Protein backbone atom coordinates (compact mmCIF):
# COMPACT_ATOMS: atom_id res chain seq x y z
CA MET A 1 0.00 0.00 0.00
CA ALA A 2 1.41 3.37 -1.02
CA ILE A 3 0.85 6.21 1.45
CA GLY A 4 0.06 9.53 -0.19
CA LYS A 5 2.35 12.43 0.62
CA ILE A 6 1.02 15.03 3.02
CA TYR A 7 3.62 17.64 3.92
CA LEU A 8 1.76 18.43 7.15
CA GLU A 9 2.42 14.84 8.26
CA ALA A 10 6.13 15.32 7.60
CA MET A 11 6.01 18.44 9.76
CA MET A 12 4.12 16.55 12.48
CA HIS A 13 6.94 13.99 12.46
CA HIS A 14 9.43 16.74 13.28
CA CYS A 15 7.09 18.07 16.01
CA GLY A 16 6.86 14.65 17.69
CA ILE A 17 3.30 15.00 19.02
CA LEU A 18 1.37 12.32 20.89
CA PHE A 19 -2.20 13.08 21.92
CA SER A 20 -4.33 10.95 24.21
CA LYS A 21 -8.12 11.18 24.22
CA GLY A 22 -9.59 9.85 27.44
CA TYR A 23 -13.15 8.54 27.22
CA ARG A 24 -14.86 8.37 30.62
CA PHE A 25 -17.37 5.56 31.16
CA LYS A 26 -19.15 4.06 34.14
CA GLY A 27 -20.49 0.51 34.22
CA PHE A 28 -18.69 -2.69 33.33
CA ILE A 29 -16.12 -3.32 30.56
CA ASP A 30 -14.98 -6.83 29.65
CA LYS A 31 -11.20 -6.32 29.54
CA GLU A 32 -10.52 -9.53 27.65
CA LYS A 33 -12.92 -8.60 24.85
CA LEU A 34 -11.60 -5.03 24.80
CA GLN A 35 -8.08 -6.47 24.40
CA GLN A 36 -9.28 -8.64 21.48
CA SER A 37 -10.95 -5.61 19.92
CA SER A 38 -7.84 -3.45 20.28
CA ILE A 39 -5.62 -6.05 18.59
CA ALA A 40 -8.11 -6.54 15.75
CA ILE A 41 -8.61 -2.82 15.07
CA LEU A 42 -4.93 -1.81 15.23
CA GLY A 43 -3.89 -4.82 13.15
CA ALA A 44 -6.35 -3.99 10.37
CA ILE A 45 -4.99 -0.49 9.61
CA ASN A 46 -2.30 -0.78 6.94
CA LYS A 47 -0.75 2.63 7.58
CA PHE A 48 0.24 1.51 11.07
CA GLN A 49 2.74 -0.92 9.52
CA TYR A 50 4.78 1.99 8.15
CA LYS A 51 7.17 4.34 9.88
CA MET A 52 8.17 7.81 8.77
CA ILE A 53 11.91 8.31 8.37
CA VAL A 54 14.01 11.31 7.38
CA ALA A 55 16.28 10.58 4.42
CA ASN A 56 19.82 11.95 4.07
CA ASN A 57 18.51 14.75 1.86
CA GLY A 58 16.09 15.83 4.62
CA GLU A 59 12.97 14.48 2.92
CA SER A 60 10.46 12.62 5.07
CA LEU A 61 9.46 9.23 3.68
CA TRP A 62 7.14 6.39 4.68
CA GLN A 63 9.00 3.10 5.06
CA LYS A 64 7.34 -0.33 5.35
CA THR A 65 8.16 -2.07 8.59
CA SER A 66 6.77 -4.75 10.86
CA ILE A 67 5.83 -3.63 14.36
CA LYS A 68 4.20 -5.84 16.95
CA ILE A 69 0.70 -4.66 17.83
CA PRO A 70 0.71 -3.35 21.41
CA PRO A 71 -1.56 -4.95 23.99
CA LEU A 72 -4.28 -3.14 25.87
CA VAL A 73 -2.70 -1.76 29.04
CA SER A 74 -4.89 -1.93 32.14
CA MET A 75 -4.20 0.31 35.15
CA GLN A 76 -5.91 0.31 38.56
CA CYS A 77 -6.25 3.86 39.92
CA ALA A 78 -7.34 5.19 43.30
CA ASP A 79 -7.89 8.55 41.55
CA LEU A 80 -8.72 8.31 37.84
CA GLU A 81 -7.86 11.93 37.05
CA GLN A 82 -4.48 11.73 38.76
CA GLY A 83 -3.90 8.40 37.06
CA PHE A 84 -4.53 10.04 33.69
CA VAL A 85 -2.10 12.87 34.57
CA GLU A 86 0.70 10.41 35.42
CA PHE A 87 -0.10 8.25 32.40
CA SER A 88 0.14 11.33 30.16
CA ALA A 89 3.41 12.54 31.67
CA ASN A 90 5.01 9.12 31.03
CA ILE A 91 3.41 8.57 27.62
CA PHE A 92 6.67 8.64 25.63
CA ASN A 93 8.15 5.90 27.83
CA THR A 94 5.12 3.72 27.06
CA TYR A 95 5.31 4.67 23.38
CA LYS A 96 8.95 3.56 23.18
CA GLU A 97 8.17 0.31 25.03
CA PHE A 98 5.71 -0.42 22.21
CA ASP A 99 8.42 0.21 19.58
CA GLU A 100 6.70 3.48 18.65
CA PHE A 101 3.55 1.82 17.36
CA PRO A 102 1.42 4.83 16.26
CA MET A 103 -1.71 4.09 18.30
CA PHE A 104 -2.50 2.16 21.45
CA PHE A 105 -5.24 1.90 24.06
CA THR A 106 -5.01 2.05 27.86
CA LEU A 107 -7.83 1.27 30.29
CA LEU A 108 -7.63 3.19 33.55
CA GLU A 109 -9.98 1.59 36.05
CA SER A 110 -11.20 2.73 39.48
CA ASP A 111 -10.10 0.31 42.18
CA ASN A 112 -13.48 0.00 43.90
CA ASN A 113 -14.90 -3.52 44.09
CA GLY A 114 -18.52 -2.69 43.29
CA ASP A 115 -20.48 -3.94 40.27
CA GLU A 116 -20.29 -0.50 38.61
CA LYS A 117 -16.81 0.86 37.97
CA ASN A 118 -15.49 4.11 36.57
CA TYR A 119 -13.12 3.99 33.62
CA ILE A 120 -11.05 6.18 31.34
CA LEU A 121 -10.41 4.46 28.02
CA ALA A 122 -7.39 6.33 26.67
CA GLN A 123 -6.57 6.33 22.98
CA THR A 124 -3.00 7.51 22.31
CA VAL A 125 -2.15 8.64 18.79
CA ASN A 126 0.98 9.73 16.98
CA HIS A 127 -0.21 12.89 15.21
CA THR A 128 2.02 12.07 12.22
CA TYR A 129 -0.42 9.35 11.21
CA CYS A 130 -3.77 11.07 11.58
CA ASP A 131 -5.66 13.94 13.15
CA ALA A 132 -8.10 13.85 16.07
CA ARG A 133 -11.17 13.50 13.82
CA ALA A 134 -9.75 10.33 12.26
CA ALA A 135 -8.89 9.04 15.74
CA GLU A 136 -12.52 9.59 16.76
CA LEU A 137 -13.72 7.33 13.95
CA ILE A 138 -11.19 4.62 14.90
CA ILE A 139 -12.37 4.44 18.51
CA ASN A 140 -15.95 4.27 17.23
CA TRP A 141 -14.95 1.22 15.16
CA LEU A 142 -13.25 -0.23 18.25
CA ILE A 143 -16.52 0.15 20.17
CA ASP A 144 -18.48 -1.46 17.32
CA TYR A 145 -16.05 -4.39 17.24
CA TYR A 146 -16.28 -4.82 21.01
CA ASN A 147 -20.09 -4.79 20.83
CA ALA A 148 -19.97 -7.37 18.02
CA LEU A 149 -17.79 -9.60 20.21
CA ILE A 150 -20.21 -9.26 23.12
CA GLU A 151 -23.09 -10.20 20.80
CA ASP A 152 -21.03 -12.94 19.05
CA ASN A 153 -21.70 -11.26 15.69
CA LEU A 154 -18.92 -12.56 13.42
CA GLN A 155 -20.32 -10.86 10.32
CA ALA A 156 -20.20 -7.43 11.97
CA GLN A 157 -16.62 -8.07 13.15
CA GLN A 158 -15.47 -8.96 9.64
CA LYS A 159 -17.25 -5.96 8.14
CA ILE A 160 -15.34 -3.60 10.46
CA VAL A 161 -11.98 -5.24 9.67
CA THR A 162 -12.71 -4.98 5.93
CA LYS A 163 -13.57 -1.29 6.32
CA LEU A 164 -10.32 -0.60 8.21
CA ASN A 165 -8.30 -2.56 5.61
CA SER A 166 -9.66 -0.25 2.93
CA LEU A 167 -8.53 3.02 4.58
CA THR A 168 -5.92 4.89 2.55
CA THR A 169 -4.02 8.16 2.86
CA LEU A 170 -4.74 10.43 -0.09
CA SER A 171 -1.90 12.82 -0.94
CA SER A 172 -2.63 16.49 -0.33
CA LYS A 173 -2.21 17.28 -4.04
CA ASN A 174 -5.03 14.83 -4.79
CA VAL A 175 -7.23 16.31 -2.08
CA TYR A 176 -7.05 19.69 -3.77
CA SER A 177 -4.76 21.28 -6.31
CA PHE A 178 -5.86 24.13 -8.57
CA ALA A 179 -3.73 22.65 -11.39
CA GLN A 180 -5.47 19.27 -11.21
CA ALA A 181 -8.99 18.56 -12.42
CA ASP A 182 -9.59 15.17 -10.78
CA CYS A 183 -9.14 16.21 -7.15
CA LEU A 184 -11.26 14.93 -4.30
CA ILE A 185 -12.49 18.44 -3.47
CA LYS A 186 -13.71 20.51 -6.41
CA MET A 187 -13.00 24.24 -6.59
CA PRO A 188 -12.29 26.45 -9.64
CA TRP A 189 -8.76 27.85 -9.79
CA TYR A 190 -10.00 31.45 -9.77
CA LYS A 191 -11.95 30.84 -6.55
CA HIS A 192 -8.84 29.36 -4.96
CA MET A 193 -6.81 32.41 -6.00
CA ALA A 194 -9.46 34.72 -4.53
CA ASN A 195 -9.34 32.69 -1.32
CA LEU A 196 -5.55 32.97 -1.15
CA PHE A 197 -5.77 36.73 -1.55
CA LYS A 198 -8.28 36.88 1.30
CA ILE A 199 -6.10 34.65 3.52
CA ILE A 200 -2.92 36.64 2.83
CA THR A 201 -4.57 40.02 3.39
CA TYR A 202 -6.60 38.93 6.46
CA LYS A 203 -5.38 41.05 9.38
CA ILE A 204 -3.90 39.13 12.31
CA LYS A 205 -1.90 40.43 15.26
CA ASP A 206 -0.45 38.97 18.46
CA THR A 207 -1.37 42.02 20.52
CA GLY A 208 -0.21 40.57 23.83
CA ASN A 209 3.02 39.01 22.48
CA TYR A 210 2.09 35.52 23.64
CA SER A 211 4.33 33.69 21.16
CA ILE A 212 7.38 31.92 22.55
CA THR A 213 10.28 33.41 20.58
CA TYR A 214 12.50 31.14 18.52
CA GLU A 215 15.45 32.29 20.62
CA GLN A 216 13.68 31.18 23.82
CA ILE A 217 12.99 27.80 22.26
CA LYS A 218 16.67 27.36 21.36
CA GLN A 219 17.65 28.19 24.95
CA ASN A 220 15.05 25.95 26.63
CA LEU A 221 14.83 22.93 24.31
CA ALA A 222 17.51 20.80 26.01
CA GLU A 223 15.93 21.25 29.44
CA TYR A 224 12.45 20.59 28.02
CA GLN A 225 13.58 17.28 26.54
CA GLN A 226 14.90 16.08 29.92
CA LYS A 227 11.83 16.71 32.08
CA LEU A 228 8.53 14.93 32.59
CA ARG A 229 5.70 17.10 31.28
CA HIS A 230 2.52 16.84 33.34
CA PRO A 231 -0.55 18.17 31.52
CA ILE A 232 -2.46 21.20 32.76
CA MET A 233 -6.06 19.99 33.18
CA ARG A 234 -8.88 22.29 34.24
CA TYR A 235 -12.63 21.83 34.57
CA TYR A 236 -15.25 24.59 34.64
CA ASP A 237 -18.97 24.37 35.36
CA VAL A 238 -20.49 26.42 32.53
CA ASN A 239 -24.01 24.99 32.79
CA PRO A 240 -25.69 28.33 33.69
CA LEU A 241 -23.94 30.07 30.78
CA MET A 242 -24.55 27.38 28.16
CA SER A 243 -28.14 26.78 29.26
CA TYR A 244 -28.88 30.49 28.96
CA TYR A 245 -27.44 30.79 25.47
CA LYS A 246 -29.03 27.57 24.22
CA LYS A 247 -32.38 28.96 25.36
CA HIS A 248 -32.02 32.51 24.01
CA TYR A 249 -29.63 31.94 21.06
CA PRO A 250 -30.14 28.30 19.98
CA GLN A 251 -28.68 28.99 16.53
CA VAL A 252 -25.22 29.87 17.89
CA ASN A 253 -22.66 27.08 17.72
CA THR A 254 -21.43 25.88 21.12
CA ASN A 255 -17.82 25.76 19.93
CA SER A 256 -18.08 29.40 18.85
CA LEU A 257 -19.21 30.30 22.37
CA ILE A 258 -16.18 28.52 23.82
CA SER A 259 -13.90 30.31 21.35
CA ALA A 260 -15.53 33.58 22.36
CA LEU A 261 -14.75 32.79 26.02
CA LEU A 262 -11.11 32.34 25.08
CA VAL A 263 -11.11 35.62 23.12
CA LYS A 264 -12.48 37.34 26.24
CA THR A 265 -9.82 35.58 28.32
CA PHE A 266 -6.92 36.88 26.25
CA TYR A 267 -8.41 40.37 26.26
CA TRP A 268 -8.62 40.22 30.07
CA LEU A 269 -4.96 39.15 30.21
CA ASN A 270 -3.96 41.98 27.84
CA VAL A 271 -5.64 44.56 30.05
CA HIS A 272 -5.11 43.21 33.57
CA LYS A 273 -1.93 41.15 33.32
CA LYS A 274 0.00 43.02 30.64
CA GLN A 275 -1.51 46.49 31.22
CA LEU A 276 -1.93 47.08 27.50
CA ALA A 277 -4.05 49.84 25.97
CA ASN A 278 -5.99 49.32 22.71
CA ALA A 279 -5.64 45.57 23.15
CA GLU A 280 -9.13 44.47 22.18
CA MET A 281 -8.29 42.90 18.78
CA ILE A 282 -7.52 39.22 19.39
CA SER A 283 -6.21 36.92 16.65
CA TYR A 284 -6.09 33.15 16.84
CA ARG A 285 -6.29 30.08 14.64
CA MET A 286 -9.16 27.64 14.59
CA LEU A 287 -8.88 24.07 13.33
CA SER A 288 -11.22 23.12 10.52
CA ASP A 289 -11.88 19.63 9.13
CA ILE A 290 -11.72 19.94 5.33
CA LEU A 291 -13.25 16.51 4.61
CA THR A 292 -16.89 15.44 4.65
CA PRO A 293 -18.01 12.53 6.89
CA LYS A 294 -18.20 10.29 3.80
CA MET A 295 -14.61 11.15 2.86
CA ARG A 296 -13.50 10.49 6.43
CA ASN A 297 -14.73 6.91 6.08
CA GLN A 298 -12.28 6.41 3.21
CA TYR A 299 -9.16 8.40 4.07
CA LEU A 300 -6.90 8.26 7.12
CA GLY A 301 -4.53 11.17 7.61
CA ASN A 302 -4.12 14.80 8.61
CA TYR A 303 -6.76 16.80 6.77
CA ILE A 304 -7.12 19.88 8.97
CA ALA A 305 -6.72 23.56 8.18
CA TYR A 306 -5.54 26.24 10.58
CA VAL A 307 -7.90 29.10 9.75
CA PRO A 308 -7.10 32.63 11.04
CA VAL A 309 -9.70 34.43 13.13
CA THR A 310 -9.56 38.03 14.41
CA MET A 311 -12.24 39.30 16.78
CA ASN A 312 -12.94 42.51 18.66
CA ALA A 313 -13.08 41.31 22.28
CA ASN A 314 -14.61 44.55 23.53
CA GLN A 315 -18.06 43.23 22.63
CA SER A 316 -20.59 41.02 24.37
CA LEU A 317 -19.88 37.30 24.42
CA ILE A 318 -22.83 36.56 22.17
CA ASP A 319 -21.72 39.18 19.60
CA ILE A 320 -18.27 37.62 19.44
CA ALA A 321 -19.74 34.11 19.12
CA GLN A 322 -22.11 35.23 16.35
CA ASN A 323 -19.23 36.89 14.50
CA ILE A 324 -17.19 33.69 14.79
CA ASP A 325 -20.18 31.72 13.48
CA ALA A 326 -20.47 34.07 10.50
CA TRP A 327 -16.77 33.72 9.70
CA VAL A 328 -16.92 29.92 10.00
CA LYS A 329 -19.92 29.85 7.66
CA GLU A 330 -18.07 32.03 5.14
CA PHE A 331 -14.85 30.07 5.08
CA ARG A 332 -16.63 26.73 4.81
CA GLU A 333 -19.05 27.83 2.11
CA ASN A 334 -16.23 29.37 0.05
CA LYS A 335 -13.76 26.58 0.89
CA LEU A 336 -11.32 29.05 2.44
CA ASP A 337 -10.22 26.25 4.77
CA VAL A 338 -9.33 24.07 1.77
CA SER A 339 -7.28 26.90 0.28
CA GLN A 340 -5.60 27.44 3.67
CA TYR A 341 -4.72 23.72 3.80
CA ASN A 342 -3.29 23.85 0.29
CA PHE A 343 -1.34 27.02 1.13
CA LEU A 344 0.24 25.40 4.20
CA GLU A 345 1.18 22.32 2.17
CA PHE A 346 2.91 24.61 -0.35
CA ALA A 347 4.73 26.49 2.42
CA ILE A 348 6.00 23.29 4.07
CA ALA A 349 7.06 21.80 0.73
CA LYS A 350 9.03 24.96 -0.14
CA LYS A 351 10.57 25.07 3.38
CA LEU A 352 9.01 28.46 4.10
CA VAL A 353 7.67 27.57 7.57
CA GLY A 354 9.74 28.66 10.54
CA LYS A 355 11.17 31.64 8.69
CA LYS A 356 8.75 34.13 10.23
CA ASP A 357 6.53 33.89 13.28
CA ASP A 358 2.74 33.67 12.84
CA PRO A 359 1.36 36.78 14.64
CA ILE A 360 -1.51 35.18 16.56
CA SER A 361 -2.11 34.94 20.31
CA PHE A 362 -3.28 31.32 20.46
CA THR A 363 -4.74 28.34 18.62
CA HIS A 364 -8.03 26.73 19.62
CA THR A 365 -8.95 23.13 18.93
CA SER A 366 -11.89 21.21 20.31
CA PHE A 367 -12.32 17.46 20.60
CA ASN A 368 -15.38 15.35 21.26
CA ASN A 369 -17.17 12.28 20.02
CA ARG A 370 -20.40 13.20 18.32
CA ARG A 371 -21.73 9.66 18.37
CA LEU A 372 -21.15 9.00 22.07
CA PHE A 373 -22.60 12.37 23.05
CA LYS A 374 -25.80 11.54 21.17
CA LYS A 375 -26.07 7.96 22.44
CA VAL A 376 -24.31 7.54 25.80
CA ASN A 377 -25.00 3.79 26.04
CA THR A 378 -23.25 2.96 22.75
CA LEU A 379 -20.56 0.83 24.46
CA ILE A 380 -22.53 -2.14 25.76
CA GLY A 381 -22.67 -2.31 29.55
CA THR A 382 -21.58 1.29 30.11
CA THR A 383 -22.69 4.90 30.15
CA PHE A 384 -20.46 7.49 28.48
CA ILE A 385 -19.75 10.55 30.65
CA GLU A 386 -17.27 12.83 28.88
CA VAL A 387 -14.06 12.99 26.90
CA ILE A 388 -10.87 14.57 28.20
CA ALA A 389 -7.44 14.72 26.58
CA SER A 390 -3.76 15.40 27.02
CA ILE A 391 -1.01 16.33 24.59
CA ASN A 392 2.70 15.70 24.90
CA SER A 393 5.57 16.23 22.49
CA GLU A 394 9.20 15.29 21.98
CA PRO A 395 10.38 17.33 18.99
CA LEU A 396 12.66 15.51 16.59
CA ASP A 397 14.77 18.63 16.10
CA LEU A 398 14.83 22.41 16.49
CA MET A 399 12.55 22.92 13.49
CA GLY A 400 9.89 20.72 15.07
CA ALA A 401 10.26 22.58 18.36
CA MET A 402 9.85 25.95 16.66
CA MET A 403 6.49 24.88 15.26
CA ASN A 404 5.17 24.64 18.82
CA ASN A 405 5.61 28.23 19.98
CA LYS A 406 1.97 29.13 20.59
CA ILE A 407 -0.46 28.62 23.41
CA ILE A 408 -2.68 25.86 22.02
CA ALA A 409 -5.90 25.53 24.00
CA CYS A 410 -7.78 22.24 23.63
CA THR A 411 -11.35 22.05 24.91
CA SER A 412 -14.29 19.70 25.21
CA LEU A 413 -17.77 20.13 26.65
CA SER A 414 -19.70 17.33 28.35
CA ASN A 415 -23.44 16.72 28.10
CA THR A 416 -23.74 18.27 31.57
CA ASN A 417 -21.92 21.41 30.35
CA ARG A 418 -18.67 20.73 32.14
CA LEU A 419 -15.96 22.48 30.15
CA TYR A 420 -12.58 20.79 30.03
CA LEU A 421 -9.37 22.62 29.09
CA THR A 422 -5.85 21.41 28.46
CA PHE A 423 -2.86 22.68 26.48
CA TYR A 424 0.02 21.59 24.33
CA PRO A 425 3.17 21.73 26.50
CA LEU A 426 5.24 24.90 26.01
CA ILE A 427 9.00 24.79 25.60
CA GLY A 428 9.94 26.89 28.62
CA SER A 429 7.66 27.95 31.45
CA ASP A 430 4.08 26.63 31.72
CA GLN A 431 3.04 29.94 33.29
CA PRO A 432 1.47 31.47 30.14
CA SER A 433 -0.90 28.49 29.86
CA ILE A 434 -1.64 28.57 33.60
CA ASP A 435 -2.46 32.27 33.32
CA VAL A 436 -4.96 31.49 30.55
CA ALA A 437 -6.57 28.70 32.60
CA ASP A 438 -6.89 30.96 35.65
CA ALA A 439 -8.23 33.92 33.67
CA LEU A 440 -10.80 31.73 31.89
CA GLY A 441 -12.17 30.75 35.31
CA LEU A 442 -12.53 34.44 36.23
CA ILE A 443 -14.28 35.27 32.96
CA ILE A 444 -16.74 32.39 33.33
CA GLU A 445 -17.48 33.35 36.93
CA GLN A 446 -18.10 36.99 36.04
CA LEU A 447 -20.32 36.21 33.07
CA GLN A 448 -22.39 33.75 35.07
CA GLN A 449 -22.85 36.23 37.91
CA GLU A 450 -24.38 38.64 35.41
CA LEU A 451 -26.84 36.12 33.97
CA PRO A 452 -29.81 36.40 36.38
CA ASP A 453 -30.05 40.17 36.15
CA LYS A 454 -29.66 40.94 32.47
CA GLU A 455 -31.26 39.78 29.28
CA THR A 456 -28.02 40.39 27.42
CA ILE A 457 -24.52 39.85 28.72
CA SER A 458 -22.38 42.94 29.08
CA SER A 459 -18.78 42.99 27.85
CA VAL A 460 -15.98 41.92 30.14
CA ALA A 461 -12.61 43.67 30.67
């Protein structure tokens, strides 16, 4: 099987990113059948039998190999959250024990002896191989296979294996290229050129100077590589806020509301922490999936665009969220995200990345599992509660380290409106991320205090 070339995946290899999505369940999980399911699913994905290497000329290449499929690791924990923290901090040790197999599953289990247990089913992924959306589909297939084992449905098991066998990685040039007519995504060349002009001229600015400078990264990289990196994990009860907006503004996307909270947070930091004047314009990047659900069932890889967003934070939360919604609608309808993806592929291929810093304050990515949120009893014998995550990285080299010089906020929202926040680890002090986590708590508290008295939410900061 030939793996299509995606330059973003080559860059991810240099960045050395592992992300772990932790799915919380309560109930009973048959560990033996989960182990069988894990082996079957991981063994059916052809891409996982390749490793990326860097050739003498600096080019990243996929090389066929033969790696033993890792077993399901089971861990008893007195405190599940603390267990997940320690598991995440040591993730690269586990990864190396498994000969760097690109995905593995770990079951963290509460050590109570009752009939109903609490679990975190952690899915660890090497970002070089696929993005979080693809990982979400794989764990859904794992759940389907497990359910088929429980029900002794051999036909369903074989159908899932056949589906996974058929997954391929389509090269970025075949996803979209304005010089190619038979691409997966159709867009006239003139529309792509108009999109590029809009992307290049779109105004972005890191008002608060949140970027970690390349010089700081050079100074701190050696120390960073030697230490254990424990994830920052925060939870916020945003039920009053989300319930209010779902009632009064049901058309506004929940993820846009969370992005708006982060915009408010950085504005608060600009004013109160950095004492900056005229600091209301906040720029960040939002991740956008450029493939349709049908395409996702065929192609395994990194198909995400980093779309720029600039908002005036000196507005109400709902105004910011509605403006984000409008921008998201525009870039998806006009395929600006596809053009952005293509533009980044060009920049990486021509070795233009890392030459100049991207003037944004942060990046926001959200993770969830649409299917489990809609049907919490999907995994037989359990009830799904929420998904959390952690990210860790061991850059291959200085170039990979320099690509991680932003505060990257990762969020998820449970069905009970518990907001979870974590970050990519920074090379240097964790304080900038801690400041964001603390300030977000203050913003949420202030906004929720205002809710009972006012029909509209006043601006913060």
